[in-house]
C-alpha cells in the first residue's frame, strides 16, 4: 500500500493497467482507503459496508444510487452511503475515478 504524500492520476492509471484489474487499492490509513476504478463496459460492483466517495478523474455518464440517477463528468464528486445500491451507467470508455472509503462499518450517522 502506498504511504506517500501524493499519488498522481497518471501513476494510479499505470498501476491499474499493470494489475489487469478494474480497481486497485492505492492508499490506506485508519478507516480511510483510496482506490482507483475503471469499469470495463459494465459496472458490476455491489454495495459496500462503508460510506464512499467517487471523484471523477476522466469520463462522463450517468450514476445510479438508491433509485436516483445523476449525470457526471470529469472533476465531479459523488457520495454513496454505506450499503446503498449504486453503479455507473451509460458511461464513456475513458471513465476513471478515485474511490474513497471512510468511517465505520455501516457508515457515519
C-alpha atoms as a PDB file:
ATOM      1  CA  UNK A   1       0.000   0.000   0.000  1.00  0.00           C
ATOM      2  CA  UNK A   2       1.325   3.430  -0.898  1.00  0.00           C
ATOM      3  CA  UNK A   3       2.232   5.646   2.061  1.00  0.00           C
ATOM      4  CA  UNK A   4       3.403   8.608   0.008  1.00  0.00           C
ATOM      5  CA  UNK A   5       2.044  12.125   0.288  1.00  0.00           C
ATOM      6  CA  UNK A   6       0.950  12.217  -3.374  1.00  0.00           C
ATOM      7  CA  UNK A   7      -0.404   9.749  -5.912  1.00  0.00           C
ATOM      8  CA  UNK A   8      -0.921  11.201  -9.388  1.00  0.00           C
ATOM      9  CA  UNK A   9      -3.766  10.108 -11.657  1.00  0.00           C
ATOM     10  CA  UNK A  10      -1.140   9.051 -14.214  1.00  0.00           C
ATOM     11  CA  UNK A  11       0.616   6.841 -11.644  1.00  0.00           C
ATOM     12  CA  UNK A  12      -2.711   5.387 -10.481  1.00  0.00           C
ATOM     13  CA  UNK A  13      -3.765   4.571 -14.055  1.00  0.00           C
ATOM     14  CA  UNK A  14      -0.435   2.866 -14.793  1.00  0.00           C
ATOM     15  CA  UNK A  15      -0.690   0.726 -11.634  1.00  0.00           C
ATOM     16  CA  UNK A  16      -4.257  -0.181 -12.592  1.00  0.00           C
ATOM     17  CA  UNK A  17      -3.195  -1.166 -16.126  1.00  0.00           C
ATOM     18  CA  UNK A  18      -0.299  -3.226 -14.741  1.00  0.00           C
ATOM     19  CA  UNK A  19      -2.686  -5.068 -12.397  1.00  0.00           C
ATOM     20  CA  UNK A  20      -5.084  -6.104 -15.168  1.00  0.00           C
ATOM     21  CA  UNK A  21      -7.987  -5.406 -12.802  1.00  0.00           C
ATOM     22  CA  UNK A  22     -10.832  -2.873 -12.812  1.00  0.00           C
ATOM     23  CA  UNK A  23      -9.837  -1.411  -9.421  1.00  0.00           C
ATOM     24  CA  UNK A  24      -6.874  -1.490  -7.066  1.00  0.00           C
ATOM     25  CA  UNK A  25      -6.216  -0.121  -3.575  1.00  0.00           C
ATOM     26  CA  UNK A  26      -3.565   2.605  -3.510  1.00  0.00           C
ATOM     27  CA  UNK A  27      -3.587   4.097  -0.007  1.00  0.00           C
ATOM     28  CA  UNK A  28      -4.940   3.393   3.468  1.00  0.00           C
ATOM     29  CA  UNK A  29      -4.712   4.975   6.889  1.00  0.00           C
ATOM     30  CA  UNK A  30      -7.086   4.264   9.760  1.00  0.00           C
ATOM     31  CA  UNK A  31     -10.598   3.955   8.340  1.00  0.00           C
ATOM     32  CA  UNK A  32      -9.584   5.722   5.099  1.00  0.00           C
ATOM     33  CA  UNK A  33      -8.986   3.606   1.982  1.00  0.00           C
ATOM     34  CA  UNK A  34      -8.348   5.010  -1.505  1.00  0.00           C
ATOM     35  CA  UNK A  35      -8.664   3.042  -4.726  1.00  0.00           C
ATOM     36  CA  UNK A  36      -8.690   3.834  -8.411  1.00  0.00           C
ATOM     37  CA  UNK A  37     -11.509   2.362 -10.502  1.00  0.00           C
ATOM     38  CA  UNK A  38     -12.120   1.896 -14.215  1.00  0.00           C
ATOM     39  CA  UNK A  39     -15.129  -0.278 -15.036  1.00  0.00           C
ATOM     40  CA  UNK A  40     -14.975  -2.254 -18.272  1.00  0.00           C
ATOM     41  CA  UNK A  41     -18.237  -1.658 -20.207  1.00  0.00           C
ATOM     42  CA  UNK A  42     -20.438  -2.648 -17.222  1.00  0.00           C
ATOM     43  CA  UNK A  43     -20.166  -1.594 -13.581  1.00  0.00           C
ATOM     44  CA  UNK A  44     -20.551  -4.862 -11.658  1.00  0.00           C
ATOM     45  CA  UNK A  45     -19.914  -3.603  -8.145  1.00  0.00           C
ATOM     46  CA  UNK A  46     -22.098  -4.407  -5.150  1.00  0.00           C
ATOM     47  CA  UNK A  47     -22.999  -2.218  -2.129  1.00  0.00           C
ATOM     48  CA  UNK A  48     -20.135  -1.574   0.314  1.00  0.00           C
ATOM     49  CA  UNK A  49     -20.092  -1.569   4.124  1.00  0.00           C
ATOM     50  CA  UNK A  50     -18.556   1.917   4.403  1.00  0.00           C
ATOM     51  CA  UNK A  51     -19.524   5.366   3.159  1.00  0.00           C
ATOM     52  CA  UNK A  52     -17.933   6.011  -0.216  1.00  0.00           C
ATOM     53  CA  UNK A  53     -16.938   8.968  -2.363  1.00  0.00           C
ATOM     54  CA  UNK A  54     -16.065   8.978  -6.059  1.00  0.00           C
ATOM     55  CA  UNK A  55     -14.071  11.788  -7.646  1.00  0.00           C
ATOM     56  CA  UNK A  56     -14.184  11.512 -11.418  1.00  0.00           C
ATOM     57  CA  UNK A  57     -10.700  11.711 -12.977  1.00  0.00           C
ATOM     58  CA  UNK A  58     -11.937  11.313 -16.563  1.00  0.00           C
ATOM     59  CA  UNK A  59     -15.038  10.354 -18.473  1.00  0.00           C
ATOM     60  CA  UNK A  60     -18.712  11.135 -18.189  1.00  0.00           C
ATOM     61  CA  UNK A  61     -22.039   9.364 -18.000  1.00  0.00           C
ATOM     62  CA  UNK A  62     -24.776   8.647 -15.521  1.00  0.00           C
ATOM     63  CA  UNK A  63     -24.574   7.344 -11.977  1.00  0.00           C
ATOM     64  CA  UNK A  64     -27.350   5.440 -10.212  1.00  0.00           C
ATOM     65  CA  UNK A  65     -27.697   5.470  -6.408  1.00  0.00           C
ATOM     66  CA  UNK A  66     -30.711   4.329  -4.386  1.00  0.00           C
ATOM     67  CA  UNK A  67     -33.323   4.965  -7.070  1.00  0.00           C
ATOM     68  CA  UNK A  68     -31.842   8.235  -8.353  1.00  0.00           C
ATOM     69  CA  UNK A  69     -29.760   8.841 -11.440  1.00  0.00           C
ATOM     70  CA  UNK A  70     -27.472  11.834 -11.943  1.00  0.00           C
ATOM     71  CA  UNK A  71     -25.164  12.802 -14.781  1.00  0.00           C
ATOM     72  CA  UNK A  72     -21.438  13.208 -14.057  1.00  0.00           C
ATOM     73  CA  UNK A  73     -18.313  14.469 -15.788  1.00  0.00           C
ATOM     74  CA  UNK A  74     -14.609  14.961 -15.073  1.00  0.00           C
ATOM     75  CA  UNK A  75     -13.994  16.623 -11.706  1.00  0.00           C
ATOM     76  CA  UNK A  76     -17.380  15.721 -10.199  1.00  0.00           C
ATOM     77  CA  UNK A  77     -17.846  14.377  -6.662  1.00  0.00           C
ATOM     78  CA  UNK A  78     -20.346  11.572  -5.988  1.00  0.00           C
ATOM     79  CA  UNK A  79     -21.339  10.377  -2.499  1.00  0.00           C
ATOM     80  CA  UNK A  80     -22.715   6.913  -1.722  1.00  0.00           C
ATOM     81  CA  UNK A  81     -23.909   5.993   1.779  1.00  0.00           C
ATOM     82  CA  UNK A  82     -22.848   2.624   3.164  1.00  0.00           C
ATOM     83  CA  UNK A  83     -24.848  -0.349   1.872  1.00  0.00           C
ATOM     84  CA  UNK A  84     -26.587   1.678  -0.872  1.00  0.00           C
ATOM     85  CA  UNK A  85     -27.191   0.069  -4.240  1.00  0.00           C
ATOM     86  CA  UNK A  86     -25.189   2.067  -6.780  1.00  0.00           C
ATOM     87  CA  UNK A  87     -23.378   1.851 -10.119  1.00  0.00           C
ATOM     88  CA  UNK A  88     -22.113   3.801 -13.085  1.00  0.00           C
ATOM     89  CA  UNK A  89     -24.455   3.514 -16.075  1.00  0.00           C
ATOM     90  CA  UNK A  90     -24.103   4.698 -19.700  1.00  0.00           C
ATOM     91  CA  UNK A  91     -20.521   5.881 -19.246  1.00  0.00           C
ATOM     92  CA  UNK A  92     -17.727   6.673 -21.673  1.00  0.00           C
ATOM     93  CA  UNK A  93     -14.838   4.239 -22.182  1.00  0.00           C
ATOM     94  CA  UNK A  94     -12.383   6.644 -20.524  1.00  0.00           C
ATOM     95  CA  UNK A  95     -14.187   6.613 -17.153  1.00  0.00           C
ATOM     96  CA  UNK A  96     -11.614   6.624 -14.359  1.00  0.00           C
ATOM     97  CA  UNK A  97     -12.396   7.520 -10.749  1.00  0.00           C
ATOM     98  CA  UNK A  98     -10.789   7.860  -7.358  1.00  0.00           C
ATOM     99  CA  UNK A  99     -12.780   5.794  -4.854  1.00  0.00           C
ATOM    100  CA  UNK A 100     -12.556   6.858  -1.220  1.00  0.00           C
ATOM    101  CA  UNK A 101     -13.952   4.676   1.575  1.00  0.00           C
ATOM    102  CA  UNK A 102     -14.069   6.036   5.119  1.00  0.00           C
ATOM    103  CA  UNK A 103     -15.667   5.745   8.524  1.00  0.00           C
ATOM    104  CA  UNK A 104     -17.096   2.816  10.449  1.00  0.00           C
ATOM    105  CA  UNK A 105     -18.784  -0.292   9.051  1.00  0.00           C
ATOM    106  CA  UNK A 106     -22.381   0.674   8.313  1.00  0.00           C
ATOM    107  CA  UNK A 107     -21.454   4.301   7.601  1.00  0.00           C
ATOM    108  CA  UNK A 108     -21.431   7.556   9.538  1.00  0.00           C
ATOM    109  CA  UNK A 109     -24.569   8.543  11.434  1.00  0.00           C
END
